[in-house]
PDB file of N, CA and C in Angstrom:
ATOM      1  N   UNK A   1     -66.370   5.846   2.451  1.00  0.00           N
ATOM      2  CA  UNK A   1     -65.135   5.483   2.255  1.00  0.00           C
ATOM      3  C   UNK A   1     -64.517   4.623   3.605  1.00  0.00           C
ATOM      4  N   UNK A   2     -65.116   5.190   4.773  1.00  0.00           N
ATOM      5  CA  UNK A   2     -64.655   4.303   5.950  1.00  0.00           C
ATOM      6  C   UNK A   2     -65.163   2.938   5.880  1.00  0.00           C
ATOM      7  N   UNK A   3     -66.320   2.702   5.258  1.00  0.00           N
ATOM      8  CA  UNK A   3     -66.648   1.197   5.159  1.00  0.00           C
ATOM      9  C   UNK A   3     -65.743   0.610   4.177  1.00  0.00           C
ATOM     10  N   UNK A   4     -65.458   1.214   3.087  1.00  0.00           N
ATOM     11  CA  UNK A   4     -64.634   0.480   2.382  1.00  0.00           C
ATOM     12  C   UNK A   4     -63.263   0.255   2.828  1.00  0.00           C
ATOM     13  N   UNK A   5     -62.774   1.063   3.569  1.00  0.00           N
ATOM     14  CA  UNK A   5     -61.535   0.939   4.118  1.00  0.00           C
ATOM     15  C   UNK A   5     -61.646  -0.198   5.284  1.00  0.00           C
ATOM     16  N   UNK A   6     -62.735  -0.373   5.958  1.00  0.00           N
ATOM     17  CA  UNK A   6     -62.790  -1.353   7.131  1.00  0.00           C
ATOM     18  C   UNK A   6     -63.059  -2.743   6.389  1.00  0.00           C
ATOM     19  N   UNK A   7     -63.758  -2.703   5.121  1.00  0.00           N
ATOM     20  CA  UNK A   7     -64.161  -4.038   4.435  1.00  0.00           C
ATOM     21  C   UNK A   7     -63.042  -4.550   3.782  1.00  0.00           C
ATOM     22  N   UNK A   8     -62.275  -3.569   3.237  1.00  0.00           N
ATOM     23  CA  UNK A   8     -61.112  -3.985   2.242  1.00  0.00           C
ATOM     24  C   UNK A   8     -61.664  -4.041   0.860  1.00  0.00           C
ATOM     25  N   UNK A   9     -62.509  -4.877   0.408  1.00  0.00           N
ATOM     26  CA  UNK A   9     -63.198  -4.799  -0.826  1.00  0.00           C
ATOM     27  C   UNK A   9     -64.674  -5.172  -0.465  1.00  0.00           C
ATOM     28  N   UNK A  10     -65.573  -4.636  -1.415  1.00  0.00           N
ATOM     29  CA  UNK A  10     -66.928  -4.947  -1.129  1.00  0.00           C
ATOM     30  C   UNK A  10     -67.773  -4.423  -2.343  1.00  0.00           C
ATOM     31  N   UNK A  11     -68.794  -5.061  -2.591  1.00  0.00           N
ATOM     32  CA  UNK A  11     -69.862  -4.603  -3.631  1.00  0.00           C
ATOM     33  C   UNK A  11     -70.704  -3.388  -2.956  1.00  0.00           C
ATOM     34  N   UNK A  12     -71.432  -2.938  -4.027  1.00  0.00           N
ATOM     35  CA  UNK A  12     -72.369  -1.732  -3.594  1.00  0.00           C
ATOM     36  C   UNK A  12     -73.381  -2.229  -2.656  1.00  0.00           C
ATOM     37  N   UNK A  13     -73.856  -3.441  -2.751  1.00  0.00           N
ATOM     38  CA  UNK A  13     -74.832  -4.098  -1.769  1.00  0.00           C
ATOM     39  C   UNK A  13     -74.252  -4.415  -0.525  1.00  0.00           C
ATOM     40  N   UNK A  14     -73.045  -4.754  -0.495  1.00  0.00           N
ATOM     41  CA  UNK A  14     -72.420  -5.074   0.908  1.00  0.00           C
ATOM     42  C   UNK A  14     -72.258  -3.845   1.653  1.00  0.00           C
ATOM     43  N   UNK A  15     -71.761  -2.723   0.760  1.00  0.00           N
ATOM     44  CA  UNK A  15     -71.512  -1.488   1.605  1.00  0.00           C
ATOM     45  C   UNK A  15     -72.916  -0.873   2.041  1.00  0.00           C
ATOM     46  N   UNK A  16     -74.018  -1.123   1.250  1.00  0.00           N
ATOM     47  CA  UNK A  16     -75.221  -0.453   1.460  1.00  0.00           C
ATOM     48  C   UNK A  16     -75.710  -1.304   2.848  1.00  0.00           C
ATOM     49  N   UNK A  17     -75.742  -2.620   2.861  1.00  0.00           N
ATOM     50  CA  UNK A  17     -76.028  -3.351   3.990  1.00  0.00           C
ATOM     51  C   UNK A  17     -75.221  -3.225   5.305  1.00  0.00           C
ATOM     52  N   UNK A  18     -74.058  -2.576   5.187  1.00  0.00           N
ATOM     53  CA  UNK A  18     -73.276  -2.137   6.354  1.00  0.00           C
ATOM     54  C   UNK A  18     -73.617  -0.866   6.976  1.00  0.00           C
ATOM     55  N   UNK A  19     -74.408   0.015   6.230  1.00  0.00           N
ATOM     56  CA  UNK A  19     -74.643   1.339   6.560  1.00  0.00           C
ATOM     57  C   UNK A  19     -75.910   1.357   7.571  1.00  0.00           C
ATOM     58  N   UNK A  20     -75.626   2.285   8.456  1.00  0.00           N
ATOM     59  CA  UNK A  20     -76.681   2.628   9.338  1.00  0.00           C
ATOM     60  C   UNK A  20     -77.653   3.538   8.617  1.00  0.00           C
ATOM     61  N   UNK A  21     -78.904   3.299   8.473  1.00  0.00           N
ATOM     62  CA  UNK A  21     -80.062   4.032   7.835  1.00  0.00           C
ATOM     63  C   UNK A  21     -79.506   4.388   6.396  1.00  0.00           C
ATOM     64  N   UNK A  22     -79.342   3.282   5.588  1.00  0.00           N
ATOM     65  CA  UNK A  22     -78.899   3.473   4.314  1.00  0.00           C
ATOM     66  C   UNK A  22     -79.785   4.229   3.337  1.00  0.00           C
ATOM     67  N   UNK A  23     -79.096   4.918   2.238  1.00  0.00           N
ATOM     68  CA  UNK A  23     -80.045   5.535   1.305  1.00  0.00           C
ATOM     69  C   UNK A  23     -80.386   4.327   0.144  1.00  0.00           C
ATOM     70  N   UNK A  24     -80.967   4.756  -0.836  1.00  0.00           N
ATOM     71  CA  UNK A  24     -81.429   3.530  -1.849  1.00  0.00           C
ATOM     72  C   UNK A  24     -80.074   3.063  -2.538  1.00  0.00           C
ATOM     73  N   UNK A  25     -80.262   1.903  -2.990  1.00  0.00           N
ATOM     74  CA  UNK A  25     -79.206   1.150  -3.753  1.00  0.00           C
ATOM     75  C   UNK A  25     -78.491   2.104  -4.737  1.00  0.00           C
ATOM     76  N   UNK A  26     -79.378   2.817  -5.525  1.00  0.00           N
ATOM     77  CA  UNK A  26     -78.945   3.544  -6.522  1.00  0.00           C
ATOM     78  C   UNK A  26     -78.157   4.631  -6.076  1.00  0.00           C
ATOM     79  N   UNK A  27     -78.651   5.363  -4.879  1.00  0.00           N
ATOM     80  CA  UNK A  27     -77.807   6.355  -4.371  1.00  0.00           C
ATOM     81  C   UNK A  27     -76.381   5.987  -3.980  1.00  0.00           C
ATOM     82  N   UNK A  28     -76.486   4.759  -3.413  1.00  0.00           N
ATOM     83  CA  UNK A  28     -75.039   4.253  -3.109  1.00  0.00           C
ATOM     84  C   UNK A  28     -74.155   3.942  -4.299  1.00  0.00           C
ATOM     85  N   UNK A  29     -74.559   3.428  -5.289  1.00  0.00           N
ATOM     86  CA  UNK A  29     -74.060   3.232  -6.640  1.00  0.00           C
ATOM     87  C   UNK A  29     -73.596   4.610  -7.047  1.00  0.00           C
ATOM     88  N   UNK A  30     -74.371   5.525  -7.068  1.00  0.00           N
ATOM     89  CA  UNK A  30     -74.052   6.918  -7.749  1.00  0.00           C
ATOM     90  C   UNK A  30     -72.755   7.479  -6.658  1.00  0.00           C
ATOM     91  N   UNK A  31     -72.910   7.329  -5.435  1.00  0.00           N
ATOM     92  CA  UNK A  31     -71.988   7.840  -4.645  1.00  0.00           C
ATOM     93  C   UNK A  31     -70.455   7.158  -4.836  1.00  0.00           C
ATOM     94  N   UNK A  32     -70.495   5.756  -5.123  1.00  0.00           N
ATOM     95  CA  UNK A  32     -69.234   4.994  -5.385  1.00  0.00           C
ATOM     96  C   UNK A  32     -68.884   5.375  -6.681  1.00  0.00           C
ATOM     97  N   UNK A  33     -69.650   5.750  -7.653  1.00  0.00           N
ATOM     98  CA  UNK A  33     -69.167   6.192  -8.798  1.00  0.00           C
ATOM     99  C   UNK A  33     -68.541   7.491  -8.701  1.00  0.00           C
ATOM    100  N   UNK A  34     -68.929   8.428  -7.978  1.00  0.00           N
ATOM    101  CA  UNK A  34     -68.369   9.804  -7.821  1.00  0.00           C
ATOM    102  C   UNK A  34     -67.108   9.572  -6.917  1.00  0.00           C
ATOM    103  N   UNK A  35     -67.014   8.655  -6.132  1.00  0.00           N
ATOM    104  CA  UNK A  35     -65.802   8.429  -5.365  1.00  0.00           C
ATOM    105  C   UNK A  35     -64.727   7.965  -6.415  1.00  0.00           C
ATOM    106  N   UNK A  36     -65.127   6.903  -7.240  1.00  0.00           N
ATOM    107  CA  UNK A  36     -64.212   6.341  -8.350  1.00  0.00           C
ATOM    108  C   UNK A  36     -63.778   7.515  -9.278  1.00  0.00           C
ATOM    109  N   UNK A  37     -64.697   8.372  -9.692  1.00  0.00           N
ATOM    110  CA  UNK A  37     -64.269   9.271 -10.770  1.00  0.00           C
ATOM    111  C   UNK A  37     -63.431  10.359 -10.071  1.00  0.00           C
ATOM    112  N   UNK A  38     -63.275  10.699  -8.668  1.00  0.00           N
ATOM    113  CA  UNK A  38     -62.518  11.376  -8.053  1.00  0.00           C
ATOM    114  C   UNK A  38     -61.191  10.670  -7.703  1.00  0.00           C
ATOM    115  N   UNK A  39     -61.056   9.554  -8.072  1.00  0.00           N
ATOM    116  CA  UNK A  39     -59.755   8.758  -7.782  1.00  0.00           C
ATOM    117  C   UNK A  39     -59.648   8.056  -6.355  1.00  0.00           C
ATOM    118  N   UNK A  40     -60.851   8.110  -5.712  1.00  0.00           N
ATOM    119  CA  UNK A  40     -60.448   7.597  -4.158  1.00  0.00           C
ATOM    120  C   UNK A  40     -60.904   6.051  -4.140  1.00  0.00           C
ATOM    121  N   UNK A  41     -61.562   5.499  -5.090  1.00  0.00           N
ATOM    122  CA  UNK A  41     -61.947   3.986  -5.263  1.00  0.00           C
ATOM    123  C   UNK A  41     -61.608   3.629  -6.749  1.00  0.00           C
ATOM    124  N   UNK A  42     -61.429   2.243  -6.768  1.00  0.00           N
ATOM    125  CA  UNK A  42     -61.406   1.552  -7.973  1.00  0.00           C
ATOM    126  C   UNK A  42     -62.107   0.372  -7.841  1.00  0.00           C
ATOM    127  N   UNK A  43     -62.585  -0.329  -8.968  1.00  0.00           N
ATOM    128  CA  UNK A  43     -63.346  -1.575  -8.994  1.00  0.00           C
ATOM    129  C   UNK A  43     -62.645  -2.370  -9.884  1.00  0.00           C
ATOM    130  N   UNK A  44     -63.209  -3.604  -9.721  1.00  0.00           N
ATOM    131  CA  UNK A  44     -62.798  -4.872 -10.604  1.00  0.00           C
ATOM    132  C   UNK A  44     -64.224  -5.469 -10.904  1.00  0.00           C
ATOM    133  N   UNK A  45     -64.170  -6.026 -12.033  1.00  0.00           N
ATOM    134  CA  UNK A  45     -65.514  -6.787 -12.493  1.00  0.00           C
ATOM    135  C   UNK A  45     -65.280  -8.225 -12.093  1.00  0.00           C
ATOM    136  N   UNK A  46     -66.300  -8.842 -11.340  1.00  0.00           N
ATOM    137  CA  UNK A  46     -66.326 -10.299 -10.979  1.00  0.00           C
ATOM    138  C   UNK A  46     -67.886 -10.723 -11.290  1.00  0.00           C
ATOM    139  N   UNK A  47     -67.910 -11.440 -12.274  1.00  0.00           N
ATOM    140  CA  UNK A  47     -69.028 -11.957 -12.850  1.00  0.00           C
ATOM    141  C   UNK A  47     -69.923 -10.651 -13.193  1.00  0.00           C
ATOM    142  N   UNK A  48     -71.077 -10.547 -12.648  1.00  0.00           N
ATOM    143  CA  UNK A  48     -71.869  -9.298 -13.088  1.00  0.00           C
ATOM    144  C   UNK A  48     -71.789  -8.291 -12.084  1.00  0.00           C
ATOM    145  N   UNK A  49     -70.847  -8.342 -11.099  1.00  0.00           N
ATOM    146  CA  UNK A  49     -70.726  -7.435 -10.025  1.00  0.00           C
ATOM    147  C   UNK A  49     -69.313  -6.516  -9.987  1.00  0.00           C
ATOM    148  N   UNK A  50     -69.685  -5.303  -9.477  1.00  0.00           N
ATOM    149  CA  UNK A  50     -68.406  -4.429  -9.489  1.00  0.00           C
ATOM    150  C   UNK A  50     -68.011  -4.753  -7.890  1.00  0.00           C
ATOM    151  N   UNK A  51     -66.620  -4.939  -7.642  1.00  0.00           N
ATOM    152  CA  UNK A  51     -65.933  -5.041  -6.398  1.00  0.00           C
ATOM    153  C   UNK A  51     -65.272  -3.996  -6.173  1.00  0.00           C
ATOM    154  N   UNK A  52     -65.608  -3.015  -5.176  1.00  0.00           N
ATOM    155  CA  UNK A  52     -64.758  -1.630  -4.862  1.00  0.00           C
ATOM    156  C   UNK A  52     -63.698  -1.848  -3.880  1.00  0.00           C
ATOM    157  N   UNK A  53     -62.688  -1.156  -4.077  1.00  0.00           N
ATOM    158  CA  UNK A  53     -61.577  -1.127  -3.129  1.00  0.00           C
ATOM    159  C   UNK A  53     -61.028   0.344  -3.101  1.00  0.00           C
ATOM    160  N   UNK A  54     -60.403   0.681  -1.951  1.00  0.00           N
ATOM    161  CA  UNK A  54     -59.780   2.145  -1.826  1.00  0.00           C
ATOM    162  C   UNK A  54     -58.604   2.164  -2.659  1.00  0.00           C
ATOM    163  N   UNK A  55     -58.261   3.405  -3.091  1.00  0.00           N
ATOM    164  CA  UNK A  55     -57.189   3.607  -3.956  1.00  0.00           C
ATOM    165  C   UNK A  55     -55.949   3.982  -2.721  1.00  0.00           C
ATOM    166  N   UNK A  56     -56.249   4.562  -1.820  1.00  0.00           N
ATOM    167  CA  UNK A  56     -55.251   5.000  -0.751  1.00  0.00           C
ATOM    168  C   UNK A  56     -55.328   4.306   0.594  1.00  0.00           C
ATOM    169  N   UNK A  57     -54.303   4.324   1.366  1.00  0.00           N
ATOM    170  CA  UNK A  57     -54.472   3.771   2.701  1.00  0.00           C
ATOM    171  C   UNK A  57     -55.362   4.826   3.569  1.00  0.00           C
ATOM    172  N   UNK A  58     -55.906   4.105   4.563  1.00  0.00           N
ATOM    173  CA  UNK A  58     -56.953   5.342   5.376  1.00  0.00           C
ATOM    174  C   UNK A  58     -56.056   6.386   5.917  1.00  0.00           C
ATOM    175  N   UNK A  59     -54.796   6.207   6.428  1.00  0.00           N
ATOM    176  CA  UNK A  59     -54.269   7.210   6.849  1.00  0.00           C
ATOM    177  C   UNK A  59     -53.850   8.456   5.730  1.00  0.00           C
ATOM    178  N   UNK A  60     -53.564   8.069   4.725  1.00  0.00           N
ATOM    179  CA  UNK A  60     -53.482   8.967   3.780  1.00  0.00           C
ATOM    180  C   UNK A  60     -54.823   9.776   3.345  1.00  0.00           C
ATOM    181  N   UNK A  61     -55.786   8.869   3.440  1.00  0.00           N
ATOM    182  CA  UNK A  61     -57.052   9.578   2.975  1.00  0.00           C
ATOM    183  C   UNK A  61     -57.425  10.631   3.997  1.00  0.00           C
ATOM    184  N   UNK A  62     -57.094  10.055   5.414  1.00  0.00           N
ATOM    185  CA  UNK A  62     -57.583  10.976   6.479  1.00  0.00           C
ATOM    186  C   UNK A  62     -56.867  12.417   6.458  1.00  0.00           C
ATOM    187  N   UNK A  63     -55.539  12.263   5.933  1.00  0.00           N
ATOM    188  CA  UNK A  63     -54.784  13.427   5.946  1.00  0.00           C
ATOM    189  C   UNK A  63     -55.069  14.228   4.855  1.00  0.00           C
ATOM    190  N   UNK A  64     -55.598  13.839   3.742  1.00  0.00           N
ATOM    191  CA  UNK A  64     -55.953  14.567   2.577  1.00  0.00           C
ATOM    192  C   UNK A  64     -57.496  15.384   3.029  1.00  0.00           C
ATOM    193  N   UNK A  65     -58.268  14.568   3.763  1.00  0.00           N
ATOM    194  CA  UNK A  65     -59.646  15.028   4.182  1.00  0.00           C
ATOM    195  C   UNK A  65     -59.428  16.211   5.165  1.00  0.00           C
ATOM    196  N   UNK A  66     -58.428  15.892   6.122  1.00  0.00           N
ATOM    197  CA  UNK A  66     -58.128  16.941   7.181  1.00  0.00           C
ATOM    198  C   UNK A  66     -57.448  18.164   6.535  1.00  0.00           C
ATOM    199  N   UNK A  67     -56.514  18.056   5.533  1.00  0.00           N
ATOM    200  CA  UNK A  67     -55.970  19.116   4.905  1.00  0.00           C
ATOM    201  C   UNK A  67     -56.987  20.010   4.292  1.00  0.00           C
ATOM    202  N   UNK A  68     -57.922  19.364   3.588  1.00  0.00           N
ATOM    203  CA  UNK A  68     -59.045  19.990   2.746  1.00  0.00           C
ATOM    204  C   UNK A  68     -59.958  20.684   3.903  1.00  0.00           C
ATOM    205  N   UNK A  69     -60.197  20.213   5.015  1.00  0.00           N
ATOM    206  CA  UNK A  69     -61.121  20.978   5.963  1.00  0.00           C
ATOM    207  C   UNK A  69     -60.311  22.007   6.561  1.00  0.00           C
ATOM    208  N   UNK A  70     -59.003  21.875   6.947  1.00  0.00           N
ATOM    209  CA  UNK A  70     -58.194  23.097   7.446  1.00  0.00           C
ATOM    210  C   UNK A  70     -58.209  24.237   6.449  1.00  0.00           C
ATOM    211  N   UNK A  71     -58.013  23.887   5.213  1.00  0.00           N
ATOM    212  CA  UNK A  71     -58.012  24.808   4.155  1.00  0.00           C
ATOM    213  C   UNK A  71     -59.250  25.659   3.873  1.00  0.00           C
ATOM    214  N   UNK A  72     -60.239  24.770   4.015  1.00  0.00           N
ATOM    215  CA  UNK A  72     -61.674  25.399   3.911  1.00  0.00           C
ATOM    216  C   UNK A  72     -62.343  26.067   4.953  1.00  0.00           C
ATOM    217  N   UNK A  73     -61.969  25.811   6.169  1.00  0.00           N
ATOM    218  CA  UNK A  73     -62.594  26.490   7.186  1.00  0.00           C
ATOM    219  C   UNK A  73     -61.768  27.224   8.152  1.00  0.00           C
ATOM    220  N   UNK A  74     -60.421  26.904   7.856  1.00  0.00           N
ATOM    221  CA  UNK A  74     -59.531  27.641   8.937  1.00  0.00           C
ATOM    222  C   UNK A  74     -58.482  28.447   8.197  1.00  0.00           C
ATOM    223  N   UNK A  75     -58.655  28.808   6.918  1.00  0.00           N
ATOM    224  CA  UNK A  75     -57.827  29.603   6.049  1.00  0.00           C
ATOM    225  C   UNK A  75     -56.559  28.943   6.039  1.00  0.00           C
ATOM    226  N   UNK A  76     -56.344  27.572   6.074  1.00  0.00           N
ATOM    227  CA  UNK A  76     -55.052  26.998   5.895  1.00  0.00           C
ATOM    228  C   UNK A  76     -54.346  26.908   7.103  1.00  0.00           C
ATOM    229  N   UNK A  77     -54.870  27.251   8.239  1.00  0.00           N
ATOM    230  CA  UNK A  77     -54.028  27.444   9.435  1.00  0.00           C
ATOM    231  C   UNK A  77     -54.428  26.383  10.433  1.00  0.00           C
ATOM    232  N   UNK A  78     -53.178  25.346  10.516  1.00  0.00           N
ATOM    233  CA  UNK A  78     -53.465  24.276  11.525  1.00  0.00           C
ATOM    234  C   UNK A  78     -53.575  24.623  12.891  1.00  0.00           C
ATOM    235  N   UNK A  79     -52.917  25.821  13.116  1.00  0.00           N
ATOM    236  CA  UNK A  79     -52.987  26.267  14.646  1.00  0.00           C
ATOM    237  C   UNK A  79     -54.486  26.657  14.890  1.00  0.00           C
ATOM    238  N   UNK A  80     -55.070  27.364  14.070  1.00  0.00           N
ATOM    239  CA  UNK A  80     -56.601  27.650  14.268  1.00  0.00           C
ATOM    240  C   UNK A  80     -57.427  26.659  14.294  1.00  0.00           C
ATOM    241  N   UNK A  81     -57.254  25.507  13.513  1.00  0.00           N
ATOM    242  CA  UNK A  81     -57.987  24.166  13.604  1.00  0.00           C
ATOM    243  C   UNK A  81     -57.646  23.592  15.118  1.00  0.00           C
ATOM    244  N   UNK A  82     -56.435  23.514  15.392  1.00  0.00           N
ATOM    245  CA  UNK A  82     -56.165  22.960  16.662  1.00  0.00           C
ATOM    246  C   UNK A  82     -56.759  23.574  17.865  1.00  0.00           C
ATOM    247  N   UNK A  83     -56.759  25.008  17.778  1.00  0.00           N
ATOM    248  CA  UNK A  83     -57.241  25.716  18.818  1.00  0.00           C
ATOM    249  C   UNK A  83     -58.692  25.380  18.851  1.00  0.00           C
ATOM    250  N   UNK A  84     -59.543  25.347  17.656  1.00  0.00           N
ATOM    251  CA  UNK A  84     -60.786  25.126  17.905  1.00  0.00           C
ATOM    252  C   UNK A  84     -61.243  23.645  18.326  1.00  0.00           C
ATOM    253  N   UNK A  85     -60.411  22.908  18.061  1.00  0.00           N
ATOM    254  CA  UNK A  85     -60.562  21.392  18.603  1.00  0.00           C
ATOM    255  C   UNK A  85     -60.131  21.449  20.162  1.00  0.00           C
ATOM    256  N   UNK A  86     -59.426  22.250  20.731  1.00  0.00           N
ATOM    257  CA  UNK A  86     -59.058  22.369  21.957  1.00  0.00           C
ATOM    258  C   UNK A  86     -59.542  23.245  22.861  1.00  0.00           C
ATOM    259  N   UNK A  87     -60.756  23.698  22.468  1.00  0.00           N
ATOM    260  CA  UNK A  87     -61.500  24.641  23.116  1.00  0.00           C
ATOM    261  C   UNK A  87     -61.809  24.239  24.540  1.00  0.00           C
ATOM    262  N   UNK A  88     -61.542  25.063  25.645  1.00  0.00           N
ATOM    263  CA  UNK A  88     -61.614  24.445  26.895  1.00  0.00           C
ATOM    264  C   UNK A  88     -62.866  24.087  27.356  1.00  0.00           C
ATOM    265  N   UNK A  89     -64.072  24.591  26.789  1.00  0.00           N
ATOM    266  CA  UNK A  89     -65.349  24.068  27.216  1.00  0.00           C
ATOM    267  C   UNK A  89     -65.670  22.749  26.639  1.00  0.00           C
ATOM    268  N   UNK A  90     -65.125  22.479  25.549  1.00  0.00           N
ATOM    269  CA  UNK A  90     -65.678  21.144  24.876  1.00  0.00           C
ATOM    270  C   UNK A  90     -64.612  20.212  24.795  1.00  0.00           C
ATOM    271  N   UNK A  91     -63.494  20.107  25.363  1.00  0.00           N
ATOM    272  CA  UNK A  91     -62.396  19.160  25.338  1.00  0.00           C
ATOM    273  C   UNK A  91     -61.976  18.758  26.711  1.00  0.00           C
ATOM    274  N   UNK A  92     -61.823  17.518  26.726  1.00  0.00           N
ATOM    275  CA  UNK A  92     -61.257  17.069  28.071  1.00  0.00           C
ATOM    276  C   UNK A  92     -60.066  16.075  27.540  1.00  0.00           C
ATOM    277  N   UNK A  93     -58.739  16.595  27.847  1.00  0.00           N
ATOM    278  CA  UNK A  93     -57.785  15.844  27.316  1.00  0.00           C
ATOM    279  C   UNK A  93     -57.015  15.097  28.473  1.00  0.00           C
ATOM    280  N   UNK A  94     -56.664  13.801  28.167  1.00  0.00           N
ATOM    281  CA  UNK A  94     -55.904  12.953  29.229  1.00  0.00           C
ATOM    282  C   UNK A  94     -54.456  13.459  29.354  1.00  0.00           C
ATOM    283  N   UNK A  95     -53.828  13.104  30.392  1.00  0.00           N
ATOM    284  CA  UNK A  95     -52.465  13.468  30.558  1.00  0.00           C
ATOM    285  C   UNK A  95     -51.481  12.821  29.410  1.00  0.00           C
ATOM    286  N   UNK A  96     -51.981  11.849  28.901  1.00  0.00           N
ATOM    287  CA  UNK A  96     -51.214  11.074  27.750  1.00  0.00           C
ATOM    288  C   UNK A  96     -51.316  11.995  26.431  1.00  0.00           C
ATOM    289  N   UNK A  97     -52.638  12.446  26.211  1.00  0.00           N
ATOM    290  CA  UNK A  97     -52.873  13.310  24.989  1.00  0.00           C
ATOM    291  C   UNK A  97     -52.089  14.469  25.172  1.00  0.00           C
ATOM    292  N   UNK A  98     -52.085  15.257  26.321  1.00  0.00           N
ATOM    293  CA  UNK A  98     -51.392  16.435  26.449  1.00  0.00           C
ATOM    294  C   UNK A  98     -49.828  16.204  26.346  1.00  0.00           C
ATOM    295  N   UNK A  99     -49.213  15.123  26.707  1.00  0.00           N
ATOM    296  CA  UNK A  99     -47.990  14.696  26.518  1.00  0.00           C
ATOM    297  C   UNK A  99     -47.507  14.579  25.196  1.00  0.00           C
ATOM    298  N   UNK A 100     -48.371  14.053  24.358  1.00  0.00           N
ATOM    299  CA  UNK A 100     -48.193  13.765  22.881  1.00  0.00           C
ATOM    300  C   UNK A 100     -48.368  15.197  22.177  1.00  0.00           C
ATOM    301  N   UNK A 101     -49.230  15.933  22.602  1.00  0.00           N
ATOM    302  CA  UNK A 101     -49.427  17.431  22.012  1.00  0.00           C
ATOM    303  C   UNK A 101     -48.210  18.141  22.194  1.00  0.00           C
ATOM    304  N   UNK A 102     -47.717  18.133  23.607  1.00  0.00           N
ATOM    305  CA  UNK A 102     -46.413  18.845  23.923  1.00  0.00           C
ATOM    306  C   UNK A 102     -45.467  18.327  23.203  1.00  0.00           C
ATOM    307  N   UNK A 103     -44.970  17.035  22.987  1.00  0.00           N
ATOM    308  CA  UNK A 103     -44.012  16.493  22.126  1.00  0.00           C
ATOM    309  C   UNK A 103     -44.115  16.923  20.614  1.00  0.00           C
ATOM    310  N   UNK A 104     -45.280  17.047  20.088  1.00  0.00           N
ATOM    311  CA  UNK A 104     -45.492  17.395  18.734  1.00  0.00           C
ATOM    312  C   UNK A 104     -45.172  19.015  18.534  1.00  0.00           C
ATOM    313  N   UNK A 105     -45.593  19.687  19.487  1.00  0.00           N
ATOM    314  CA  UNK A 105     -45.047  21.218  19.508  1.00  0.00           C
ATOM    315  C   UNK A 105     -43.806  21.406  19.635  1.00  0.00           C
ATOM    316  N   UNK A 106     -43.160  20.674  20.492  1.00  0.00           N
ATOM    317  CA  UNK A 106     -41.590  20.679  20.835  1.00  0.00           C
ATOM    318  C   UNK A 106     -40.829  20.383  19.492  1.00  0.00           C
ATOM    319  N   UNK A 107     -41.439  19.432  18.803  1.00  0.00           N
ATOM    320  CA  UNK A 107     -40.712  18.932  17.433  1.00  0.00           C
ATOM    321  C   UNK A 107     -40.700  19.853  16.521  1.00  0.00           C
ATOM    322  N   UNK A 108     -42.063  20.632  16.343  1.00  0.00           N
ATOM    323  CA  UNK A 108     -42.297  21.658  15.550  1.00  0.00           C
ATOM    324  C   UNK A 108     -41.513  22.963  15.604  1.00  0.00           C
ATOM    325  N   UNK A 109     -41.088  23.258  16.983  1.00  0.00           N
ATOM    326  CA  UNK A 109     -40.234  24.289  17.455  1.00  0.00           C
ATOM    327  C   UNK A 109     -38.840  23.901  16.957  1.00  0.00           C
ATOM    328  N   UNK A 110     -38.285  22.824  16.989  1.00  0.00           N
ATOM    329  CA  UNK A 110     -37.102  22.256  16.679  1.00  0.00           C
ATOM    330  C   UNK A 110     -36.832  22.375  15.146  1.00  0.00           C
ATOM    331  N   UNK A 111     -37.976  21.894  14.418  1.00  0.00           N
ATOM    332  CA  UNK A 111     -37.994  22.084  12.993  1.00  0.00           C
ATOM    333  C   UNK A 111     -37.911  23.157  12.363  1.00  0.00           C
ATOM    334  N   UNK A 112     -38.533  24.364  13.130  1.00  0.00           N
ATOM    335  CA  UNK A 112     -38.645  25.757  12.728  1.00  0.00           C
ATOM    336  C   UNK A 112     -37.370  26.577  12.861  1.00  0.00           C
ATOM    337  N   UNK A 113     -36.457  25.944  13.454  1.00  0.00           N
ATOM    338  CA  UNK A 113     -35.311  26.900  13.948  1.00  0.00           C
ATOM    339  C   UNK A 113     -34.383  27.042  12.811  1.00  0.00           C
TER     340      UNK A 113
END
């Protein structure tokens, strides 16, 4: 999906060519078909080729994937997911990152009243 978002529109061959250590062409086609069946991609026919494009904007796709990850691994708790990401041993935050997080937390507190 990331490649399709970056490329805008692409054939299976173009997507495969852009991959690092790509699988077989048929594996790429199968994955594209699966993503299309799930509603993430669409295709248009041009001559004898399918041109694939994303259905959703990258931001919306990221939100959906993140929501799925939080539900699957953190019992639906955004706080637990954030705490796992912000583990002191593995994360070094810049002062700007800390300020952004503080602003988000403050806004969440205001909205929860």
